[in-house]
Amino acid sequence: MTVGSQEDMDGLKKIGKIVALTIQEMKSSARVGMTTKELDEIGGLFLAKHGAVSAPKLTYNFPGDTCISINREVAHGIPGKRVIKPGDLINIDVSAELGGYYADAGHSFVIAPFKPALTRLCQYTHNTMMKVISSLKHGVKLNEVGRIIESEAKKGGYNVIENLCSHGIGKALHEAPQEILPVYNKHDKRVLKEGMVITIEPFLSTGAGYVVEQADGWTLSVPDNSFVAQHEHTIIITKNEPIILTAV
C-alpha cells in the first residue's frame, strides 16, 4: 500500500508496535525444554491481548499464530511438539492485523550456550537488514535491496537464500510490490515512492542458497547442514530515511 492519510500512518504504527512487542515477549520467554507450540501460545495470547489477529492464520489458515523455525528450518515453521534445546538457532516470524492494517517482522537468535559462529550470523544479518533500510528513500530503485543484501552477504562470507523475498504489505499481508528479490536484478526497473510500505528481510546462510518446502506443506528448510538467520522489519518509504514500524 501507499500511505495516504494520518489514519493510515497511525494504524500502521499501532500494529507495527504490537508485532515488535510480540517478538520481544516471545524471545524473552523462550526456554530450553519448552515446545514451539508453548512459545507460539505466548505470542498468540499477546496478540489477542492487544486486539490483533495472526496474519498467517487469517490469510492462509496457517496452523499457528506465529512461525517458529529451528536450526535447519528457515521459515514458516509450524509450532508443535518440537522441544527447544541448548544452542538452538531460533527464528520467530510474527505478522498480524489490526483495524485493516498489517505489519510483519522476524528475528533470529541463539539459545544459550551461545555458539560464536551462530551469534555472528544473527548479528551480521541484522546489520545487513539495517544497512539496506538506511539506504532506501523515494526515487531509489527497488533492486538496490537485492544489490546491498548480495554485496553484504559476500563481504561477510555468507550466501543469500535466493527464493525468499521481501514484499509489499499494509492492507494485506502480501501485496505489491511483490517479489523484492534478495539478489541484484538489473532488469527490475521499479522505483521506490514516498509512502510505500514494504518489508526488508534478508536471509543469510552459511551454505545453501535456497530453501525447500517440507512434507507438511509449510516449513521451508535448507537441503544441507547449513544455518540461516533472518531479520525483518516493516518500513514506510519517505523522502529521507524510512520509518521503521516494527522497532520497539
Protein backbone atom coordinates (compact mmCIF):
# COMPACT_ATOMS: atom_id res chain seq x y z
CA MET A 1 0.00 0.00 0.00
CA THR A 2 0.89 3.65 -0.18
CA VAL A 3 0.21 5.70 2.95
CA GLY A 4 -2.43 8.28 2.06
CA SER A 5 -3.54 9.75 5.38
CA GLN A 6 -2.71 10.23 9.04
CA GLU A 7 -5.18 7.41 9.73
CA ASP A 8 -3.04 5.08 7.61
CA MET A 9 0.10 6.17 9.43
CA ASP A 10 -1.45 5.72 12.87
CA GLY A 11 -2.91 2.31 12.00
CA LEU A 12 0.38 1.02 10.63
CA LYS A 13 2.37 2.32 13.61
CA LYS A 14 -0.06 0.69 16.02
CA ILE A 15 0.10 -2.80 14.52
CA GLY A 16 3.85 -2.44 13.91
CA LYS A 17 4.46 -1.78 17.60
CA ILE A 18 2.30 -4.76 18.61
CA VAL A 19 4.21 -7.07 16.26
CA ALA A 20 7.56 -5.83 17.64
CA LEU A 21 6.43 -6.28 21.25
CA THR A 22 5.11 -9.78 20.49
CA ILE A 23 8.53 -10.85 19.20
CA GLN A 24 10.19 -9.30 22.25
CA GLU A 25 7.78 -11.16 24.56
CA MET A 26 8.35 -14.49 22.79
CA LYS A 27 12.13 -14.14 22.72
CA SER A 28 12.30 -13.32 26.42
CA SER A 29 10.04 -16.31 27.18
CA ALA A 30 11.94 -18.87 25.08
CA ARG A 31 13.44 -21.57 27.33
CA VAL A 32 15.19 -24.94 26.94
CA GLY A 33 12.58 -27.68 27.36
CA MET A 34 9.70 -25.57 26.05
CA THR A 35 7.86 -26.76 22.93
CA THR A 36 7.46 -24.46 19.96
CA LYS A 37 3.69 -24.76 20.47
CA GLU A 38 4.04 -23.38 24.01
CA LEU A 39 6.13 -20.49 22.69
CA ASP A 40 3.57 -19.83 19.94
CA GLU A 41 0.75 -19.70 22.50
CA ILE A 42 2.62 -16.94 24.35
CA GLY A 43 2.69 -14.96 21.09
CA GLY A 44 -0.94 -15.68 20.31
CA LEU A 45 -2.10 -14.56 23.74
CA PHE A 46 -0.03 -11.37 23.50
CA LEU A 47 -1.56 -10.52 20.11
CA ALA A 48 -5.06 -11.20 21.40
CA LYS A 49 -4.48 -9.03 24.48
CA HIS A 50 -3.77 -6.12 22.14
CA GLY A 51 -6.73 -6.87 19.85
CA ALA A 52 -4.55 -8.07 16.98
CA VAL A 53 -5.05 -11.17 14.83
CA SER A 54 -2.40 -13.54 13.42
CA ALA A 55 -1.98 -12.62 9.74
CA PRO A 56 -0.82 -16.08 8.53
CA LYS A 57 -3.78 -17.68 10.27
CA LEU A 58 -6.19 -15.05 8.93
CA THR A 59 -4.81 -15.01 5.37
CA TYR A 60 -3.63 -18.56 4.74
CA ASN A 61 -5.19 -20.60 7.56
CA PHE A 62 -1.68 -21.28 8.88
CA PRO A 63 -1.72 -23.82 11.76
CA GLY A 64 -0.27 -21.46 14.37
CA ASP A 65 -0.32 -17.82 15.45
CA THR A 66 3.34 -17.28 14.59
CA CYS A 67 6.02 -19.03 12.55
CA ILE A 68 8.80 -20.63 14.62
CA SER A 69 11.73 -22.23 12.80
CA ILE A 70 14.68 -24.01 14.43
CA ASN A 71 18.16 -24.82 13.06
CA ARG A 72 17.79 -26.24 9.51
CA GLU A 73 14.26 -24.89 9.33
CA VAL A 74 14.43 -21.39 7.87
CA ALA A 75 10.89 -20.05 7.55
CA HIS A 76 7.20 -20.87 8.06
CA GLY A 77 7.94 -23.47 10.75
CA ILE A 78 4.72 -24.84 12.28
CA PRO A 79 4.57 -24.61 16.09
CA GLY A 80 4.21 -28.07 17.60
CA LYS A 81 5.80 -30.69 19.83
CA ARG A 82 9.40 -29.82 18.93
CA VAL A 83 11.34 -29.08 22.11
CA ILE A 84 13.81 -26.20 22.29
CA LYS A 85 17.33 -27.45 23.06
CA PRO A 86 20.53 -25.76 24.28
CA GLY A 87 22.37 -23.99 21.46
CA ASP A 88 19.39 -23.95 19.09
CA LEU A 89 19.14 -21.25 16.42
CA ILE A 90 15.56 -19.98 16.57
CA ASN A 91 13.67 -17.75 14.17
CA ILE A 92 10.42 -16.12 15.24
CA ASP A 93 8.36 -14.50 12.49
CA VAL A 94 5.28 -12.55 13.56
CA SER A 95 2.80 -10.89 11.24
CA ALA A 96 -0.51 -9.53 12.42
CA GLU A 97 -3.57 -7.45 11.53
CA LEU A 98 -5.43 -4.76 13.46
CA GLY A 99 -8.11 -2.45 12.08
CA GLY A 100 -7.37 -3.46 8.50
CA TYR A 101 -3.63 -2.77 8.74
CA TYR A 102 -0.83 -5.35 8.65
CA ALA A 103 2.80 -5.49 9.84
CA ASP A 104 5.41 -8.24 9.60
CA ALA A 105 8.73 -8.77 11.40
CA GLY A 106 11.22 -11.54 12.08
CA HIS A 107 14.09 -12.16 14.47
CA SER A 108 16.75 -14.88 14.67
CA PHE A 109 18.58 -15.60 17.92
CA VAL A 110 20.52 -18.36 19.68
CA ILE A 111 19.57 -20.18 22.88
CA ALA A 112 22.46 -20.47 25.36
CA PRO A 113 25.13 -21.82 25.31
CA PHE A 114 25.95 -19.37 22.54
CA LYS A 115 27.98 -20.58 19.59
CA PRO A 116 30.10 -17.66 18.31
CA ALA A 117 29.54 -18.59 14.65
CA LEU A 118 25.75 -18.51 15.06
CA THR A 119 25.79 -15.35 17.15
CA ARG A 120 27.83 -13.66 14.40
CA LEU A 121 25.44 -14.91 11.70
CA CYS A 122 22.46 -13.42 13.55
CA GLN A 123 24.17 -10.09 14.22
CA TYR A 124 25.55 -9.80 10.69
CA THR A 125 22.12 -10.49 9.19
CA HIS A 126 20.59 -7.81 11.41
CA ASN A 127 23.29 -5.35 10.37
CA THR A 128 22.66 -6.20 6.71
CA MET A 129 18.93 -5.51 7.12
CA MET A 130 19.67 -2.14 8.74
CA LYS A 131 22.16 -1.23 6.01
CA VAL A 132 19.50 -1.88 3.38
CA ILE A 133 16.86 0.11 5.29
CA SER A 134 19.15 3.13 5.79
CA SER A 135 19.86 3.19 2.04
CA LEU A 136 16.25 3.41 0.88
CA LYS A 137 14.18 6.52 0.11
CA HIS A 138 11.87 7.98 -2.53
CA GLY A 139 13.37 7.62 -6.03
CA VAL A 140 15.78 4.77 -5.23
CA LYS A 141 15.47 1.72 -7.47
CA LEU A 142 13.83 -1.29 -5.82
CA ASN A 143 16.67 -3.56 -6.97
CA GLU A 144 19.00 -1.75 -4.55
CA VAL A 145 17.53 -4.05 -1.88
CA GLY A 146 18.95 -7.12 -3.60
CA ARG A 147 22.19 -5.43 -4.57
CA ILE A 148 23.01 -4.47 -0.98
CA ILE A 149 21.95 -7.83 0.51
CA GLU A 150 24.04 -9.72 -2.04
CA SER A 151 27.05 -7.45 -1.56
CA GLU A 152 26.92 -7.55 2.26
CA ALA A 153 26.49 -11.32 2.32
CA LYS A 154 29.58 -11.77 0.17
CA LYS A 155 31.61 -9.42 2.38
CA GLY A 156 30.59 -11.39 5.47
CA GLY A 157 31.36 -14.79 3.94
CA TYR A 158 27.69 -15.80 3.68
CA ASN A 159 25.33 -16.88 0.93
CA VAL A 160 21.87 -15.45 0.24
CA ILE A 161 18.73 -17.61 0.31
CA GLU A 162 17.52 -16.55 -3.12
CA ASN A 163 13.98 -17.94 -3.07
CA LEU A 164 12.77 -15.96 -0.05
CA CYS A 165 11.89 -12.34 -0.82
CA SER A 166 10.87 -9.06 0.75
CA HIS A 167 7.41 -7.80 -0.24
CA GLY A 168 4.82 -5.05 -0.11
CA ILE A 169 2.44 -5.01 2.86
CA GLY A 170 -0.07 -2.72 4.57
CA LYS A 171 -3.69 -3.51 3.74
CA ALA A 172 -2.84 -7.19 3.23
CA LEU A 173 0.00 -9.48 4.34
CA HIS A 174 1.46 -9.72 0.84
CA GLU A 175 0.79 -7.07 -1.78
CA ALA A 176 2.58 -5.01 -4.44
CA PRO A 177 5.46 -4.61 -4.87
CA GLN A 178 5.72 -8.41 -4.98
CA GLU A 179 9.00 -10.35 -5.01
CA ILE A 180 11.56 -7.80 -3.92
CA LEU A 181 14.49 -10.09 -4.70
CA PRO A 182 17.40 -10.54 -2.25
CA VAL A 183 19.88 -10.56 -5.14
CA TYR A 184 20.54 -7.90 -7.79
CA ASN A 185 18.29 -7.98 -10.86
CA LYS A 186 19.33 -5.41 -13.44
CA HIS A 187 16.05 -5.88 -15.32
CA ASP A 188 13.94 -4.71 -12.37
CA LYS A 189 13.12 -1.08 -13.20
CA ARG A 190 10.71 -0.48 -10.31
CA VAL A 191 11.34 2.61 -8.18
CA LEU A 192 10.53 3.29 -4.52
CA LYS A 193 7.97 6.01 -3.91
CA GLU A 194 7.16 8.09 -0.84
CA GLY A 195 4.55 6.38 1.33
CA MET A 196 5.21 2.89 0.01
CA VAL A 197 5.04 0.18 2.72
CA ILE A 198 7.37 -2.82 2.34
CA THR A 199 9.25 -5.42 4.35
CA ILE A 200 13.02 -5.85 4.29
CA GLU A 201 14.03 -9.38 5.24
CA PRO A 202 17.45 -10.78 4.30
CA PHE A 203 18.07 -14.50 4.87
CA LEU A 204 21.82 -15.14 5.12
CA SER A 205 23.21 -18.65 5.05
CA THR A 206 26.42 -20.44 5.99
CA GLY A 207 25.91 -22.74 2.99
CA ALA A 208 22.73 -23.29 0.98
CA GLY A 209 21.44 -20.69 -1.47
CA TYR A 210 17.82 -21.85 -1.43
CA VAL A 211 15.19 -23.49 0.76
CA VAL A 212 12.93 -26.47 0.09
CA GLU A 213 9.33 -26.94 1.20
CA GLN A 214 8.84 -29.87 3.55
CA ALA A 215 6.13 -32.55 3.57
CA ASP A 216 3.94 -30.51 5.95
CA GLY A 217 3.32 -28.03 3.10
CA TRP A 218 4.60 -25.04 5.09
CA THR A 219 8.08 -25.42 6.61
CA LEU A 220 10.97 -24.23 4.43
CA SER A 221 14.33 -25.85 5.23
CA VAL A 222 17.84 -25.89 3.82
CA PRO A 223 18.80 -29.03 1.84
CA ASP A 224 22.15 -29.30 3.65
CA ASN A 225 23.54 -28.79 7.16
CA SER A 226 23.94 -25.04 6.91
CA PHE A 227 22.40 -22.45 9.22
CA VAL A 228 20.32 -19.44 8.17
CA ALA A 229 19.41 -16.25 10.02
CA GLN A 230 16.63 -13.82 9.10
CA HIS A 231 15.79 -10.39 10.38
CA GLU A 232 12.81 -8.43 9.14
CA HIS A 233 11.22 -5.03 9.60
CA THR A 234 8.18 -3.39 8.02
CA ILE A 235 9.03 0.12 6.83
CA ILE A 236 7.48 3.17 5.17
CA ILE A 237 9.49 4.86 2.40
CA THR A 238 9.90 8.63 2.81
CA LYS A 239 11.95 11.36 1.10
CA ASN A 240 14.61 10.74 3.74
CA GLU A 241 15.30 7.67 5.93
CA PRO A 242 12.46 5.15 6.10
CA ILE A 243 10.14 4.91 9.09
CA ILE A 244 10.62 1.54 10.81
CA LEU A 245 7.21 0.39 12.05
CA THR A 246 8.30 -2.80 13.81
CA ALA A 247 11.00 -1.46 16.11
CA VAL A 248 10.31 -1.48 19.86
